[in-house]
Amino acid sequence: MSAREVQGEQPFVADLLFTDGLPAMDDEVGYRGAQAARAAGITYRQLDYWARTELVEPTVRGASGSGSQRLYGFRDILVLKLVKRLLDTGISLQQIRVAVDQLRAAGIRDLAGTTLMSDGASVYLCTSNDEVIDLVSRGQGVFGIAVGKVLREVESELVEFEAHTPDELDELAVRRAARSA
């Protein structure tokens, strides 16, 4: 089997990008935007832009007006870190959007054995060592990102942060209740 090139526009798919190979995480528990940005190694401004442009939207709770906070799940933070890694290697944000949409559509069975490869212009999804070797031998794979390694990095970053449920952080509701009391 050869590597599949990630290209072509796909409509937004609400399914999670990665579903297998992850630690058991409660889908109702998330991390504040600042925590998610720090764990992914990005700025809060990048996080906000990517959420507003629907590149990586929080799955636990989106922003719902002034005073509300987005809550990002573990999988969201993993995708944020992968996007950051691809940006650091010189891939354009437009190409990354295409790759993220394609990965959502394709789904992934074995996260630990998945590698994203690129030649600087296109992104390839490799699910076996043979696919990686094939790409490198043809000169198409210049660098790769081992998704399993990124997953472990995100896990270790999140250990220090407190996770929250959506009800815990509805700050606007808390302020309103305090004013009316």
N, C-alpha and C. Protein backbone atom coordinates (compact mmCIF):
# COMPACT_ATOMS: atom_id res chain seq x y z
N MET A 1 0.85 -1.17 0.00
CA MET A 1 0.00 0.00 0.00
C MET A 1 0.90 1.23 0.00
N SER A 2 0.62 2.22 -0.81
CA SER A 2 1.43 3.43 -0.85
C SER A 2 0.76 4.51 -0.02
N ALA A 3 1.54 5.53 0.31
CA ALA A 3 1.01 6.64 1.11
C ALA A 3 -0.04 7.38 0.31
N ARG A 4 -1.01 7.88 1.04
CA ARG A 4 -2.08 8.64 0.40
C ARG A 4 -1.80 10.12 0.55
N GLU A 5 -1.77 10.83 -0.55
CA GLU A 5 -1.52 12.26 -0.48
C GLU A 5 -2.78 12.94 0.04
N VAL A 6 -2.58 13.87 0.94
CA VAL A 6 -3.68 14.63 1.50
C VAL A 6 -3.84 15.88 0.65
N GLN A 7 -4.90 15.92 -0.13
CA GLN A 7 -5.16 17.08 -0.97
C GLN A 7 -6.63 17.16 -1.30
N GLY A 8 -7.06 18.30 -1.82
CA GLY A 8 -8.46 18.49 -2.18
C GLY A 8 -9.28 18.98 -1.01
N GLU A 9 -10.20 19.87 -1.28
CA GLU A 9 -11.06 20.42 -0.24
C GLU A 9 -12.14 19.41 0.17
N GLN A 10 -12.39 19.35 1.45
CA GLN A 10 -13.46 18.52 1.98
C GLN A 10 -14.32 19.41 2.86
N PRO A 11 -15.62 19.20 2.90
CA PRO A 11 -16.45 19.98 3.81
C PRO A 11 -16.08 19.66 5.25
N PHE A 12 -16.36 20.59 6.15
CA PHE A 12 -16.05 20.39 7.56
C PHE A 12 -16.79 19.17 8.08
N VAL A 13 -16.07 18.32 8.76
CA VAL A 13 -16.65 17.12 9.34
C VAL A 13 -16.61 17.29 10.85
N ALA A 14 -17.73 17.15 11.51
CA ALA A 14 -17.81 17.37 12.95
C ALA A 14 -17.13 16.26 13.74
N ASP A 15 -16.82 15.13 13.10
CA ASP A 15 -16.17 14.04 13.81
C ASP A 15 -14.80 14.47 14.28
N LEU A 16 -14.33 13.83 15.33
CA LEU A 16 -13.02 14.14 15.86
C LEU A 16 -11.95 13.66 14.90
N LEU A 17 -10.84 14.37 14.87
CA LEU A 17 -9.76 14.02 13.97
C LEU A 17 -9.17 12.66 14.33
N PHE A 18 -8.89 12.44 15.60
CA PHE A 18 -8.32 11.17 16.03
C PHE A 18 -9.25 10.53 17.04
N THR A 19 -9.52 9.26 16.87
CA THR A 19 -10.42 8.59 17.80
C THR A 19 -9.80 7.38 18.45
N ASP A 20 -8.80 6.79 17.87
CA ASP A 20 -8.21 5.58 18.41
C ASP A 20 -6.80 5.84 18.91
N GLY A 21 -6.34 5.01 19.83
CA GLY A 21 -5.00 5.12 20.35
C GLY A 21 -4.84 6.23 21.37
N LEU A 22 -5.93 6.81 21.82
CA LEU A 22 -5.88 7.90 22.79
C LEU A 22 -6.17 7.38 24.18
N PRO A 23 -5.66 8.08 25.18
CA PRO A 23 -6.04 7.68 26.54
C PRO A 23 -7.52 7.92 26.74
N ALA A 24 -8.12 7.20 27.67
CA ALA A 24 -9.54 7.40 27.94
C ALA A 24 -9.74 8.79 28.50
N MET A 25 -10.45 9.62 27.79
CA MET A 25 -10.68 10.99 28.21
C MET A 25 -12.18 11.25 28.20
N ASP A 26 -12.66 11.97 29.19
CA ASP A 26 -14.05 12.33 29.28
C ASP A 26 -14.34 13.44 28.27
N ASP A 27 -15.30 13.22 27.38
CA ASP A 27 -15.63 14.21 26.36
C ASP A 27 -16.25 15.47 26.94
N GLU A 28 -16.66 15.43 28.20
CA GLU A 28 -17.26 16.59 28.84
C GLU A 28 -16.24 17.38 29.65
N VAL A 29 -14.98 17.00 29.60
CA VAL A 29 -13.93 17.68 30.33
C VAL A 29 -13.00 18.34 29.34
N GLY A 30 -12.65 19.59 29.62
CA GLY A 30 -11.79 20.31 28.71
C GLY A 30 -10.84 21.23 29.42
N TYR A 31 -10.03 21.92 28.62
CA TYR A 31 -9.02 22.82 29.12
C TYR A 31 -9.27 24.21 28.57
N ARG A 32 -9.05 25.23 29.39
CA ARG A 32 -9.23 26.61 28.97
C ARG A 32 -8.31 26.93 27.81
N GLY A 33 -8.67 27.98 27.09
CA GLY A 33 -7.89 28.38 25.92
C GLY A 33 -6.43 28.62 26.22
N ALA A 34 -6.14 29.33 27.30
CA ALA A 34 -4.74 29.61 27.64
C ALA A 34 -3.97 28.32 27.93
N GLN A 35 -4.62 27.38 28.59
CA GLN A 35 -3.98 26.09 28.87
C GLN A 35 -3.75 25.31 27.59
N ALA A 36 -4.75 25.30 26.72
CA ALA A 36 -4.63 24.58 25.44
C ALA A 36 -3.50 25.18 24.61
N ALA A 37 -3.44 26.50 24.55
CA ALA A 37 -2.39 27.17 23.77
C ALA A 37 -1.01 26.82 24.32
N ARG A 38 -0.88 26.86 25.64
CA ARG A 38 0.41 26.56 26.25
C ARG A 38 0.82 25.10 25.99
N ALA A 39 -0.12 24.18 26.13
CA ALA A 39 0.19 22.76 25.91
C ALA A 39 0.56 22.49 24.46
N ALA A 40 -0.05 23.22 23.53
CA ALA A 40 0.23 23.03 22.10
C ALA A 40 1.46 23.82 21.64
N GLY A 41 1.94 24.74 22.47
CA GLY A 41 3.11 25.53 22.10
C GLY A 41 2.79 26.66 21.13
N ILE A 42 1.58 27.19 21.22
CA ILE A 42 1.17 28.28 20.34
C ILE A 42 0.74 29.47 21.18
N THR A 43 0.53 30.61 20.52
CA THR A 43 0.06 31.79 21.23
C THR A 43 -1.46 31.74 21.35
N TYR A 44 -1.98 32.51 22.30
CA TYR A 44 -3.43 32.58 22.44
C TYR A 44 -4.04 33.21 21.20
N ARG A 45 -3.33 34.14 20.58
CA ARG A 45 -3.82 34.78 19.37
C ARG A 45 -3.98 33.75 18.24
N GLN A 46 -3.01 32.85 18.10
CA GLN A 46 -3.12 31.78 17.09
C GLN A 46 -4.32 30.90 17.40
N LEU A 47 -4.46 30.52 18.66
CA LEU A 47 -5.58 29.67 19.07
C LEU A 47 -6.91 30.31 18.72
N ASP A 48 -7.06 31.58 19.04
CA ASP A 48 -8.29 32.31 18.76
C ASP A 48 -8.55 32.38 17.25
N TYR A 49 -7.51 32.67 16.47
CA TYR A 49 -7.67 32.76 15.02
C TYR A 49 -8.08 31.41 14.43
N TRP A 50 -7.43 30.35 14.86
CA TRP A 50 -7.74 29.03 14.33
C TRP A 50 -9.14 28.60 14.71
N ALA A 51 -9.62 29.00 15.88
CA ALA A 51 -11.00 28.68 16.27
C ALA A 51 -11.99 29.48 15.44
N ARG A 52 -11.73 30.79 15.27
CA ARG A 52 -12.65 31.64 14.52
C ARG A 52 -12.71 31.24 13.04
N THR A 53 -11.60 30.74 12.50
CA THR A 53 -11.58 30.33 11.08
C THR A 53 -11.87 28.85 10.89
N GLU A 54 -12.26 28.18 11.98
CA GLU A 54 -12.70 26.78 11.97
C GLU A 54 -11.62 25.78 11.57
N LEU A 55 -10.35 26.14 11.76
CA LEU A 55 -9.28 25.18 11.52
C LEU A 55 -9.31 24.13 12.63
N VAL A 56 -9.29 24.59 13.87
CA VAL A 56 -9.39 23.70 15.03
C VAL A 56 -10.35 24.35 16.01
N GLU A 57 -11.56 23.81 16.07
CA GLU A 57 -12.57 24.34 16.97
C GLU A 57 -12.64 23.49 18.24
N PRO A 58 -12.93 24.12 19.36
CA PRO A 58 -13.03 23.34 20.61
C PRO A 58 -14.25 22.44 20.57
N THR A 59 -14.07 21.19 20.95
CA THR A 59 -15.17 20.23 20.91
C THR A 59 -15.93 20.13 22.22
N VAL A 60 -15.33 20.57 23.33
CA VAL A 60 -16.03 20.49 24.61
C VAL A 60 -17.03 21.63 24.72
N ARG A 61 -16.57 22.86 24.44
CA ARG A 61 -17.48 24.00 24.45
C ARG A 61 -16.87 25.13 23.64
N GLY A 62 -17.64 25.63 22.68
CA GLY A 62 -17.22 26.78 21.89
C GLY A 62 -17.58 28.07 22.59
N ALA A 63 -17.05 29.17 22.09
CA ALA A 63 -17.39 30.47 22.65
C ALA A 63 -18.84 30.78 22.33
N SER A 64 -19.54 31.33 23.31
CA SER A 64 -20.95 31.64 23.10
C SER A 64 -21.27 33.05 23.56
N GLY A 65 -20.37 33.97 23.28
CA GLY A 65 -20.61 35.36 23.65
C GLY A 65 -19.62 35.85 24.68
N SER A 66 -19.78 37.10 25.04
CA SER A 66 -18.89 37.75 26.00
C SER A 66 -18.92 37.05 27.35
N GLY A 67 -17.75 36.81 27.90
CA GLY A 67 -17.66 36.19 29.21
C GLY A 67 -17.60 34.68 29.20
N SER A 68 -17.91 34.06 28.07
CA SER A 68 -17.83 32.59 28.01
C SER A 68 -16.42 32.19 27.59
N GLN A 69 -16.04 30.99 27.93
CA GLN A 69 -14.71 30.50 27.57
C GLN A 69 -14.82 29.22 26.77
N ARG A 70 -13.97 29.13 25.77
CA ARG A 70 -13.88 27.89 25.01
C ARG A 70 -13.21 26.84 25.89
N LEU A 71 -13.63 25.58 25.70
CA LEU A 71 -12.97 24.46 26.36
C LEU A 71 -12.52 23.48 25.29
N TYR A 72 -11.23 23.19 25.31
CA TYR A 72 -10.62 22.30 24.33
C TYR A 72 -10.40 20.92 24.95
N GLY A 73 -10.77 19.89 24.20
CA GLY A 73 -10.53 18.53 24.63
C GLY A 73 -9.12 18.09 24.29
N PHE A 74 -8.74 16.93 24.79
CA PHE A 74 -7.40 16.38 24.54
C PHE A 74 -7.12 16.28 23.04
N ARG A 75 -8.08 15.77 22.29
CA ARG A 75 -7.88 15.60 20.84
C ARG A 75 -7.69 16.94 20.15
N ASP A 76 -8.41 17.96 20.61
CA ASP A 76 -8.26 19.29 20.04
C ASP A 76 -6.83 19.80 20.22
N ILE A 77 -6.30 19.59 21.42
CA ILE A 77 -4.95 20.06 21.72
C ILE A 77 -3.92 19.28 20.90
N LEU A 78 -4.17 18.01 20.69
CA LEU A 78 -3.29 17.22 19.85
C LEU A 78 -3.27 17.78 18.43
N VAL A 79 -4.42 18.11 17.89
CA VAL A 79 -4.49 18.68 16.54
C VAL A 79 -3.79 20.04 16.51
N LEU A 80 -3.98 20.85 17.55
CA LEU A 80 -3.30 22.15 17.62
C LEU A 80 -1.79 21.98 17.56
N LYS A 81 -1.28 21.01 18.29
CA LYS A 81 0.18 20.78 18.31
C LYS A 81 0.67 20.27 16.96
N LEU A 82 -0.12 19.43 16.31
CA LEU A 82 0.26 18.96 14.97
C LEU A 82 0.27 20.11 13.97
N VAL A 83 -0.72 20.97 14.04
CA VAL A 83 -0.77 22.14 13.15
C VAL A 83 0.47 23.00 13.38
N LYS A 84 0.83 23.21 14.64
CA LYS A 84 2.01 24.01 14.97
C LYS A 84 3.26 23.37 14.39
N ARG A 85 3.39 22.05 14.52
CA ARG A 85 4.56 21.36 13.98
C ARG A 85 4.64 21.52 12.46
N LEU A 86 3.50 21.39 11.78
CA LEU A 86 3.49 21.56 10.33
C LEU A 86 3.85 22.99 9.94
N LEU A 87 3.34 23.97 10.66
CA LEU A 87 3.70 25.36 10.39
C LEU A 87 5.20 25.59 10.58
N ASP A 88 5.76 25.00 11.63
CA ASP A 88 7.19 25.15 11.91
C ASP A 88 8.06 24.58 10.82
N THR A 89 7.54 23.61 10.08
CA THR A 89 8.32 23.00 9.00
C THR A 89 8.14 23.72 7.68
N GLY A 90 7.31 24.77 7.66
CA GLY A 90 7.17 25.58 6.46
C GLY A 90 5.94 25.29 5.61
N ILE A 91 5.07 24.41 6.07
CA ILE A 91 3.85 24.13 5.33
C ILE A 91 2.92 25.32 5.47
N SER A 92 2.26 25.70 4.40
CA SER A 92 1.34 26.84 4.44
C SER A 92 0.09 26.48 5.24
N LEU A 93 -0.51 27.49 5.85
CA LEU A 93 -1.73 27.27 6.61
C LEU A 93 -2.84 26.75 5.70
N GLN A 94 -2.86 27.19 4.46
CA GLN A 94 -3.86 26.70 3.50
C GLN A 94 -3.70 25.20 3.28
N GLN A 95 -2.47 24.73 3.11
CA GLN A 95 -2.22 23.30 2.91
C GLN A 95 -2.55 22.52 4.19
N ILE A 96 -2.27 23.11 5.33
CA ILE A 96 -2.58 22.46 6.61
C ILE A 96 -4.09 22.30 6.76
N ARG A 97 -4.86 23.31 6.35
CA ARG A 97 -6.33 23.21 6.41
C ARG A 97 -6.81 22.02 5.58
N VAL A 98 -6.25 21.88 4.40
CA VAL A 98 -6.63 20.76 3.52
C VAL A 98 -6.26 19.44 4.20
N ALA A 99 -5.07 19.37 4.78
CA ALA A 99 -4.63 18.14 5.44
C ALA A 99 -5.53 17.79 6.62
N VAL A 100 -5.87 18.77 7.45
CA VAL A 100 -6.73 18.51 8.61
C VAL A 100 -8.11 18.04 8.16
N ASP A 101 -8.66 18.68 7.15
CA ASP A 101 -9.98 18.26 6.64
C ASP A 101 -9.92 16.83 6.09
N GLN A 102 -8.87 16.51 5.35
CA GLN A 102 -8.73 15.16 4.79
C GLN A 102 -8.55 14.12 5.90
N LEU A 103 -7.76 14.46 6.90
CA LEU A 103 -7.55 13.52 8.00
C LEU A 103 -8.84 13.27 8.76
N ARG A 104 -9.64 14.31 8.93
CA ARG A 104 -10.95 14.13 9.58
C ARG A 104 -11.82 13.19 8.76
N ALA A 105 -11.81 13.38 7.45
CA ALA A 105 -12.64 12.57 6.57
C ALA A 105 -12.15 11.12 6.52
N ALA A 106 -10.83 10.93 6.52
CA ALA A 106 -10.25 9.59 6.39
C ALA A 106 -10.32 8.80 7.68
N GLY A 107 -10.19 9.46 8.81
CA GLY A 107 -10.13 8.76 10.09
C GLY A 107 -8.80 8.03 10.22
N ILE A 108 -8.45 7.66 11.41
CA ILE A 108 -7.17 6.99 11.67
C ILE A 108 -7.43 5.83 12.61
N ARG A 109 -6.88 4.67 12.27
CA ARG A 109 -7.09 3.47 13.08
C ARG A 109 -6.03 3.33 14.18
N ASP A 110 -4.77 3.52 13.84
CA ASP A 110 -3.68 3.33 14.80
C ASP A 110 -2.89 4.62 14.92
N LEU A 111 -3.20 5.40 15.92
CA LEU A 111 -2.58 6.70 16.09
C LEU A 111 -1.08 6.60 16.34
N ALA A 112 -0.67 5.67 17.18
CA ALA A 112 0.74 5.54 17.52
C ALA A 112 1.59 5.19 16.31
N GLY A 113 1.01 4.52 15.32
CA GLY A 113 1.76 4.12 14.14
C GLY A 113 1.58 5.04 12.95
N THR A 114 1.07 6.24 13.16
CA THR A 114 0.80 7.17 12.08
C THR A 114 1.90 8.22 12.00
N THR A 115 2.32 8.53 10.78
CA THR A 115 3.32 9.57 10.55
C THR A 115 2.81 10.49 9.47
N LEU A 116 2.91 11.79 9.71
CA LEU A 116 2.62 12.78 8.68
C LEU A 116 3.94 13.11 8.00
N MET A 117 4.00 12.94 6.70
CA MET A 117 5.22 13.23 5.93
C MET A 117 4.93 14.39 5.00
N SER A 118 5.97 15.12 4.66
CA SER A 118 5.80 16.23 3.73
C SER A 118 7.06 16.44 2.92
N ASP A 119 6.87 17.01 1.75
CA ASP A 119 7.98 17.42 0.91
C ASP A 119 8.11 18.94 0.91
N GLY A 120 7.40 19.58 1.80
CA GLY A 120 7.42 21.02 1.91
C GLY A 120 6.24 21.68 1.21
N ALA A 121 5.56 20.94 0.37
CA ALA A 121 4.40 21.48 -0.34
C ALA A 121 3.15 20.67 -0.06
N SER A 122 3.27 19.36 -0.08
CA SER A 122 2.13 18.47 0.17
C SER A 122 2.34 17.71 1.46
N VAL A 123 1.24 17.26 2.05
CA VAL A 123 1.30 16.46 3.26
C VAL A 123 0.78 15.07 2.92
N TYR A 124 1.48 14.04 3.41
CA TYR A 124 1.12 12.66 3.15
C TYR A 124 0.84 11.96 4.48
N LEU A 125 -0.15 11.11 4.49
CA LEU A 125 -0.50 10.32 5.67
C LEU A 125 0.08 8.92 5.49
N CYS A 126 0.99 8.54 6.38
CA CYS A 126 1.60 7.21 6.31
C CYS A 126 1.17 6.41 7.54
N THR A 127 0.65 5.23 7.29
CA THR A 127 0.19 4.40 8.40
C THR A 127 1.04 3.15 8.59
N SER A 128 2.17 3.08 7.86
CA SER A 128 3.09 1.96 8.05
C SER A 128 4.50 2.42 7.72
N ASN A 129 5.48 1.67 8.22
CA ASN A 129 6.88 1.97 7.93
C ASN A 129 7.17 1.86 6.44
N ASP A 130 6.50 0.91 5.77
CA ASP A 130 6.71 0.74 4.33
C ASP A 130 6.29 1.99 3.56
N GLU A 131 5.21 2.62 3.98
CA GLU A 131 4.77 3.84 3.31
C GLU A 131 5.78 4.97 3.51
N VAL A 132 6.34 5.07 4.71
CA VAL A 132 7.36 6.10 4.97
C VAL A 132 8.57 5.85 4.09
N ILE A 133 9.04 4.62 4.05
CA ILE A 133 10.22 4.28 3.24
C ILE A 133 9.96 4.54 1.77
N ASP A 134 8.76 4.19 1.30
CA ASP A 134 8.39 4.43 -0.10
C ASP A 134 8.46 5.92 -0.44
N LEU A 135 7.91 6.75 0.42
CA LEU A 135 7.93 8.19 0.17
C LEU A 135 9.36 8.74 0.17
N VAL A 136 10.15 8.33 1.14
CA VAL A 136 11.52 8.83 1.24
C VAL A 136 12.33 8.37 0.04
N SER A 137 12.18 7.12 -0.38
CA SER A 137 12.95 6.60 -1.51
C SER A 137 12.59 7.28 -2.83
N ARG A 138 11.35 7.76 -2.93
CA ARG A 138 10.94 8.48 -4.14
C ARG A 138 11.23 9.97 -4.04
N GLY A 139 11.79 10.39 -2.90
CA GLY A 139 12.12 11.80 -2.72
C GLY A 139 10.93 12.67 -2.38
N GLN A 140 9.79 12.05 -2.05
CA GLN A 140 8.60 12.84 -1.74
C GLN A 140 8.52 13.19 -0.26
N GLY A 141 9.11 12.41 0.59
CA GLY A 141 9.06 12.68 2.02
C GLY A 141 10.35 13.27 2.51
N VAL A 142 10.37 14.55 2.76
CA VAL A 142 11.57 15.22 3.24
C VAL A 142 11.64 15.17 4.76
N PHE A 143 10.51 15.30 5.42
CA PHE A 143 10.48 15.22 6.87
C PHE A 143 9.17 14.59 7.31
N GLY A 144 9.16 14.10 8.54
CA GLY A 144 7.96 13.45 9.05
C GLY A 144 7.68 13.86 10.48
N ILE A 145 6.43 13.74 10.87
CA ILE A 145 6.00 14.01 12.24
C ILE A 145 5.32 12.75 12.75
N ALA A 146 5.92 12.12 13.75
CA ALA A 146 5.34 10.92 14.36
C ALA A 146 4.22 11.35 15.29
N VAL A 147 2.99 11.03 14.93
CA VAL A 147 1.82 11.48 15.68
C VAL A 147 1.82 10.90 17.09
N GLY A 148 2.25 9.66 17.25
CA GLY A 148 2.29 9.04 18.57
C GLY A 148 3.19 9.79 19.53
N LYS A 149 4.32 10.30 19.04
CA LYS A 149 5.24 11.08 19.87
C LYS A 149 4.59 12.39 20.30
N VAL A 150 3.89 13.04 19.39
CA VAL A 150 3.20 14.29 19.71
C VAL A 150 2.10 14.02 20.74
N LEU A 151 1.41 12.91 20.60
CA LEU A 151 0.37 12.52 21.56
C LEU A 151 0.95 12.43 22.96
N ARG A 152 2.10 11.78 23.10
CA ARG A 152 2.72 11.64 24.42
C ARG A 152 3.17 13.00 24.97
N GLU A 153 3.64 13.89 24.10
CA GLU A 153 4.04 15.23 24.53
C GLU A 153 2.84 16.00 25.07
N VAL A 154 1.70 15.91 24.38
CA VAL A 154 0.50 16.61 24.83
C VAL A 154 0.05 16.05 26.17
N GLU A 155 0.07 14.72 26.32
CA GLU A 155 -0.30 14.11 27.60
C GLU A 155 0.55 14.66 28.74
N SER A 156 1.86 14.74 28.54
CA SER A 156 2.74 15.21 29.61
C SER A 156 2.54 16.69 29.89
N GLU A 157 2.21 17.48 28.88
CA GLU A 157 1.95 18.91 29.09
C GLU A 157 0.67 19.13 29.90
N LEU A 158 -0.33 18.31 29.67
CA LEU A 158 -1.63 18.51 30.32
C LEU A 158 -1.66 18.03 31.76
N VAL A 159 -0.66 17.28 32.19
CA VAL A 159 -0.65 16.76 33.55
C VAL A 159 -0.73 17.89 34.57
N GLU A 160 -0.08 19.02 34.28
CA GLU A 160 -0.05 20.12 35.25
C GLU A 160 -1.30 20.99 35.24
N PHE A 161 -2.16 20.82 34.26
CA PHE A 161 -3.35 21.67 34.15
C PHE A 161 -4.58 21.01 34.75
N GLU A 162 -5.45 21.82 35.28
CA GLU A 162 -6.71 21.34 35.81
C GLU A 162 -7.74 21.31 34.69
N ALA A 163 -8.40 20.19 34.53
CA ALA A 163 -9.45 20.06 33.52
C ALA A 163 -10.76 20.56 34.13
N HIS A 164 -11.66 21.04 33.27
CA HIS A 164 -12.92 21.61 33.72
C HIS A 164 -14.08 21.06 32.91
N THR A 165 -15.26 21.08 33.50
CA THR A 165 -16.47 20.77 32.75
C THR A 165 -17.06 22.08 32.27
N PRO A 166 -17.87 22.08 31.23
CA PRO A 166 -18.43 23.33 30.71
C PRO A 166 -19.20 24.13 31.76
N ASP A 167 -19.90 23.48 32.67
CA ASP A 167 -20.69 24.18 33.68
C ASP A 167 -19.82 24.93 34.68
N GLU A 168 -18.62 24.44 34.92
CA GLU A 168 -17.75 25.07 35.90
C GLU A 168 -17.26 26.45 35.45
N LEU A 169 -17.18 26.68 34.17
CA LEU A 169 -16.52 27.88 33.68
C LEU A 169 -17.44 28.87 33.00
N ASP A 170 -18.70 28.80 33.23
CA ASP A 170 -19.60 29.78 32.62
C ASP A 170 -19.53 31.05 33.45
N GLU A 171 -18.46 31.84 33.21
CA GLU A 171 -18.16 33.00 34.03
C GLU A 171 -19.24 34.07 33.94
N LEU A 172 -19.84 34.24 32.78
CA LEU A 172 -20.89 35.24 32.62
C LEU A 172 -22.08 34.90 33.52
N ALA A 173 -22.46 33.63 33.55
CA ALA A 173 -23.56 33.21 34.42
C ALA A 173 -23.21 33.42 35.89
N VAL A 174 -21.96 33.19 36.25
CA VAL A 174 -21.53 33.40 37.63
C VAL A 174 -21.64 34.87 37.99
N ARG A 175 -21.19 35.75 37.09
CA ARG A 175 -21.27 37.20 37.35
C ARG A 175 -22.72 37.67 37.47
N ARG A 176 -23.57 37.19 36.60
CA ARG A 176 -24.98 37.57 36.66
C ARG A 176 -25.62 37.13 37.98
N ALA A 177 -25.32 35.90 38.40
CA ALA A 177 -25.86 35.39 39.65
C ALA A 177 -25.36 36.21 40.83
N ALA A 178 -24.09 36.62 40.80
CA ALA A 178 -23.53 37.42 41.88
C ALA A 178 -24.19 38.80 41.94
N ARG A 179 -24.49 39.38 40.78
CA ARG A 179 -25.14 40.69 40.75
C ARG A 179 -26.56 40.64 41.25
N SER A 180 -27.27 39.57 40.92
CA SER A 180 -28.67 39.48 41.32
C SER A 180 -28.85 39.04 42.78
N ALA A 181 -27.78 38.53 43.39
CA ALA A 181 -27.86 38.07 44.78
C ALA A 181 -27.74 39.22 45.78
